[in-house]
Amino acid sequence: MSAADLNIPESAKKEFDKASAQMAKKNWGKAIAGFNRALALYPDYAAAYNNLGVIYAKTGDRKTEREALQKAVALDDHLAVAYVNLGIMAIAERNFPEAENMLNKATSADPENTQTLVLLANAELLDKHYDQAISNCHKVHSMPHESQALIHYIAARALEHENRASEAVTEFQTFLKEEPSGPRAESVRGELTRLQRQIE
């Protein structure tokens, strides 16, 4: 919790909680109004700006989304979730260096968050930083985590780019053990077959 969070008045917290409830129901207009009421009571409410950014992302207002998220991290430079949201936005815009920058800041603020590390590894893969992607994939695998089959796919693709085909095959096989069915599994089976043929 940041020092700014300790200063949030109870009235602003109540507005924030009511707005969060509206956000959960996807009542975007009421949620925006509620978060703005919270900000009127406490202008340094970083979490309110972050949530506004999320809502603007849902409603397709990219410019206001960016402004809200940038305001959130300006107010609290340890608000990992806002950096994650900026990173996701950068990936969508195919600005992979910016995505890496934002997601590295998120992992610095919250180093145990495996979902953020998966996003970072994916951004590194897309930005052709294969060694870093592989390193972060291994880091996720060494930490307690929910099923993260995607990490093995990211590792496999990065290893393939580094001409480490046999290691990539192992990662694809591990992916299929963790996620044996569904559209992603079918796609991976095709890639695995192609790679195995190359090795032969």
Protein backbone atom coordinates (compact mmCIF):
# COMPACT_ATOMS: atom_id res chain seq x y z
CA MET A 1 0.00 0.00 0.00
CA SER A 2 1.37 3.40 -0.97
CA ALA A 3 1.44 6.46 1.29
CA ALA A 4 -1.21 8.01 -0.94
CA ASP A 5 -3.56 5.07 -0.26
CA LEU A 6 -3.31 5.71 3.49
CA ASN A 7 -4.66 9.21 2.93
CA ILE A 8 -7.81 8.19 1.04
CA PRO A 9 -10.85 9.58 2.88
CA GLU A 10 -13.64 7.17 3.76
CA SER A 11 -16.11 9.06 1.55
CA ALA A 12 -13.88 8.50 -1.51
CA LYS A 13 -13.45 4.81 -0.65
CA LYS A 14 -17.23 4.39 -0.51
CA GLU A 15 -17.64 5.98 -3.96
CA PHE A 16 -14.82 3.78 -5.27
CA ASP A 17 -16.47 0.62 -3.91
CA LYS A 18 -19.87 1.56 -5.37
CA ALA A 19 -18.25 2.31 -8.75
CA SER A 20 -16.37 -1.01 -8.62
CA ALA A 21 -19.68 -2.82 -8.09
CA GLN A 22 -21.13 -1.06 -11.17
CA MET A 23 -17.97 -1.96 -13.10
CA ALA A 24 -18.42 -5.64 -12.19
CA LYS A 25 -21.95 -5.44 -13.64
CA LYS A 26 -20.57 -3.76 -16.81
CA ASN A 27 -22.61 -0.64 -16.12
CA TRP A 28 -19.85 1.47 -17.65
CA GLY A 29 -21.55 4.86 -17.49
CA LYS A 30 -22.48 4.53 -13.81
CA ALA A 31 -19.00 3.19 -13.00
CA ILE A 32 -17.29 6.13 -14.75
CA ALA A 33 -19.50 8.59 -12.86
CA GLY A 34 -18.72 6.83 -9.57
CA PHE A 35 -14.95 6.79 -10.07
CA ASN A 36 -15.09 10.47 -11.04
CA ARG A 37 -16.98 11.19 -7.80
CA ALA A 38 -14.22 9.35 -5.89
CA LEU A 39 -11.60 11.46 -7.70
CA ALA A 40 -13.49 14.66 -6.91
CA LEU A 41 -13.19 13.72 -3.23
CA TYR A 42 -9.57 12.53 -3.54
CA PRO A 43 -7.77 13.65 -6.75
CA ASP A 44 -4.72 11.39 -6.07
CA TYR A 45 -6.75 8.15 -6.18
CA ALA A 46 -4.47 6.11 -8.48
CA ALA A 47 -6.64 2.97 -8.39
CA ALA A 48 -9.65 4.99 -9.56
CA TYR A 49 -7.68 6.20 -12.58
CA ASN A 50 -6.58 2.64 -13.31
CA ASN A 51 -10.18 1.40 -13.23
CA LEU A 52 -11.26 4.25 -15.49
CA GLY A 53 -8.53 3.13 -17.89
CA VAL A 54 -9.92 -0.41 -17.87
CA ILE A 55 -13.44 0.87 -18.60
CA TYR A 56 -12.24 3.12 -21.44
CA ALA A 57 -10.45 0.07 -22.89
CA LYS A 58 -13.74 -1.85 -22.78
CA THR A 59 -15.60 0.99 -24.49
CA GLY A 60 -12.92 1.50 -27.16
CA ASP A 61 -11.77 4.98 -26.07
CA ARG A 62 -8.02 4.39 -26.47
CA LYS A 63 -6.96 8.02 -25.99
CA THR A 64 -8.77 8.43 -22.66
CA GLU A 65 -7.67 4.94 -21.60
CA ARG A 66 -4.02 5.93 -22.03
CA GLU A 67 -4.51 9.25 -20.22
CA ALA A 68 -6.18 7.55 -17.25
CA LEU A 69 -3.53 4.80 -16.96
CA GLN A 70 -0.65 7.28 -17.28
CA LYS A 71 -2.24 9.38 -14.55
CA ALA A 72 -2.50 6.25 -12.36
CA VAL A 73 1.23 5.44 -12.62
CA ALA A 74 2.18 9.11 -12.23
CA LEU A 75 0.34 9.11 -8.89
CA ASP A 76 1.61 5.68 -7.77
CA ASP A 77 4.71 4.32 -9.48
CA HIS A 78 4.25 0.97 -7.67
CA LEU A 79 0.75 0.31 -9.04
CA ALA A 80 1.65 -2.86 -10.93
CA VAL A 81 -1.82 -3.41 -12.41
CA ALA A 82 -1.72 -0.03 -14.19
CA TYR A 83 1.66 -0.88 -15.74
CA VAL A 84 0.21 -4.23 -16.84
CA ASN A 85 -2.72 -2.44 -18.48
CA LEU A 86 -0.33 -0.05 -20.26
CA GLY A 87 1.70 -3.08 -21.38
CA ILE A 88 -1.37 -4.83 -22.77
CA MET A 89 -2.29 -1.61 -24.58
CA ALA A 90 1.22 -1.41 -26.10
CA ILE A 91 1.04 -5.06 -27.26
CA ALA A 92 -2.31 -4.33 -28.95
CA GLU A 93 -0.63 -1.39 -30.72
CA ARG A 94 2.33 -3.65 -31.64
CA ASN A 95 4.66 -1.32 -29.74
CA PHE A 96 6.67 -4.17 -28.25
CA PRO A 97 9.56 -2.13 -26.77
CA GLU A 98 7.00 -0.04 -24.84
CA ALA A 99 5.19 -3.22 -23.76
CA GLU A 100 8.46 -4.64 -22.39
CA ASN A 101 9.18 -1.38 -20.58
CA MET A 102 5.75 -1.26 -18.90
CA LEU A 103 5.70 -4.96 -18.02
CA ASN A 104 9.22 -4.80 -16.58
CA LYS A 105 7.99 -2.00 -14.31
CA ALA A 106 5.01 -4.15 -13.34
CA THR A 107 7.22 -7.12 -12.44
CA SER A 108 9.53 -4.84 -10.43
CA ALA A 109 6.50 -3.70 -8.42
CA ASP A 110 5.02 -7.23 -8.11
CA PRO A 111 7.78 -9.81 -8.80
CA GLU A 112 5.74 -12.84 -7.73
CA ASN A 113 2.92 -12.29 -10.25
CA THR A 114 3.29 -15.13 -12.76
CA GLN A 115 0.57 -13.78 -15.08
CA THR A 116 2.58 -10.57 -15.54
CA LEU A 117 5.73 -12.60 -16.23
CA VAL A 118 3.85 -14.56 -18.92
CA LEU A 119 2.80 -11.28 -20.55
CA LEU A 120 6.39 -10.00 -20.32
CA ALA A 121 7.79 -13.19 -21.89
CA ASN A 122 5.26 -12.87 -24.72
CA ALA A 123 6.24 -9.22 -25.31
CA GLU A 124 9.91 -10.25 -25.35
CA LEU A 125 9.15 -12.99 -27.88
CA LEU A 126 7.31 -10.51 -30.09
CA ASP A 127 10.19 -8.03 -29.72
CA LYS A 128 12.68 -10.78 -30.73
CA HIS A 129 14.41 -10.80 -27.34
CA TYR A 130 14.44 -14.57 -27.31
CA ASP A 131 16.94 -15.17 -24.50
CA GLN A 132 14.96 -12.94 -22.15
CA ALA A 133 11.69 -14.63 -23.13
CA ILE A 134 13.16 -18.08 -22.43
CA SER A 135 14.60 -16.88 -19.10
CA ASN A 136 11.22 -15.52 -17.95
CA CYS A 137 9.46 -18.70 -19.08
CA HIS A 138 11.83 -20.74 -16.90
CA LYS A 139 11.26 -18.29 -14.04
CA VAL A 140 7.48 -18.81 -14.22
CA HIS A 141 7.93 -22.58 -14.33
CA SER A 142 10.10 -22.46 -11.18
CA MET A 143 7.46 -20.50 -9.22
CA PRO A 144 4.17 -21.73 -7.72
CA HIS A 145 1.54 -20.98 -10.37
CA GLU A 146 -1.84 -21.89 -11.75
CA SER A 147 -1.86 -23.77 -15.03
CA GLN A 148 0.18 -21.64 -17.42
CA ALA A 149 0.45 -23.86 -20.49
CA LEU A 150 0.99 -20.74 -22.60
CA ILE A 151 4.45 -20.28 -21.06
CA HIS A 152 5.60 -23.50 -22.74
CA TYR A 153 4.31 -22.27 -26.10
CA ILE A 154 6.17 -18.97 -25.72
CA ALA A 155 9.35 -20.82 -24.70
CA ALA A 156 9.01 -23.21 -27.66
CA ARG A 157 8.65 -20.37 -30.17
CA ALA A 158 11.64 -18.51 -28.70
CA LEU A 159 13.77 -21.67 -28.71
CA GLU A 160 12.76 -22.35 -32.30
CA HIS A 161 13.94 -18.86 -33.30
CA GLU A 162 17.28 -19.67 -31.67
CA ASN A 163 17.54 -22.90 -33.70
CA ARG A 164 17.17 -25.05 -30.57
CA ALA A 165 14.60 -27.32 -32.17
CA SER A 166 14.85 -30.32 -29.84
CA GLU A 167 14.30 -28.09 -26.78
CA ALA A 168 11.36 -26.45 -28.58
CA VAL A 169 9.84 -29.90 -29.18
CA THR A 170 10.07 -30.64 -25.43
CA GLU A 171 8.29 -27.37 -24.60
CA PHE A 172 5.51 -28.09 -27.14
CA GLN A 173 5.08 -31.57 -25.63
CA THR A 174 4.86 -30.10 -22.13
CA PHE A 175 2.24 -27.63 -23.39
CA LEU A 176 0.13 -30.55 -24.66
CA LYS A 177 0.41 -32.37 -21.33
CA GLU A 178 -0.94 -29.30 -19.55
CA GLU A 179 -3.52 -28.35 -22.22
CA PRO A 180 -4.36 -31.52 -24.19
CA SER A 181 -7.53 -30.27 -25.88
CA GLY A 182 -9.00 -27.14 -27.45
CA PRO A 183 -8.07 -24.97 -30.44
CA ARG A 184 -4.65 -23.99 -29.06
CA ALA A 185 -3.76 -27.66 -28.53
CA GLU A 186 -4.68 -28.49 -32.13
CA SER A 187 -2.51 -25.65 -33.40
CA VAL A 188 0.42 -26.79 -31.23
CA ARG A 189 0.07 -30.38 -32.50
CA GLY A 190 0.48 -29.07 -36.03
CA GLU A 191 3.55 -27.04 -35.08
CA LEU A 192 5.02 -29.99 -33.19
CA THR A 193 4.61 -32.31 -36.18
CA ARG A 194 6.23 -29.74 -38.48
CA LEU A 195 9.17 -29.27 -36.10
CA GLN A 196 9.71 -33.00 -35.59
CA ARG A 197 9.85 -33.48 -39.36
CA GLN A 198 12.52 -30.77 -39.60
CA ILE A 199 14.65 -32.55 -36.98
CA GLU A 200 14.33 -35.87 -38.81
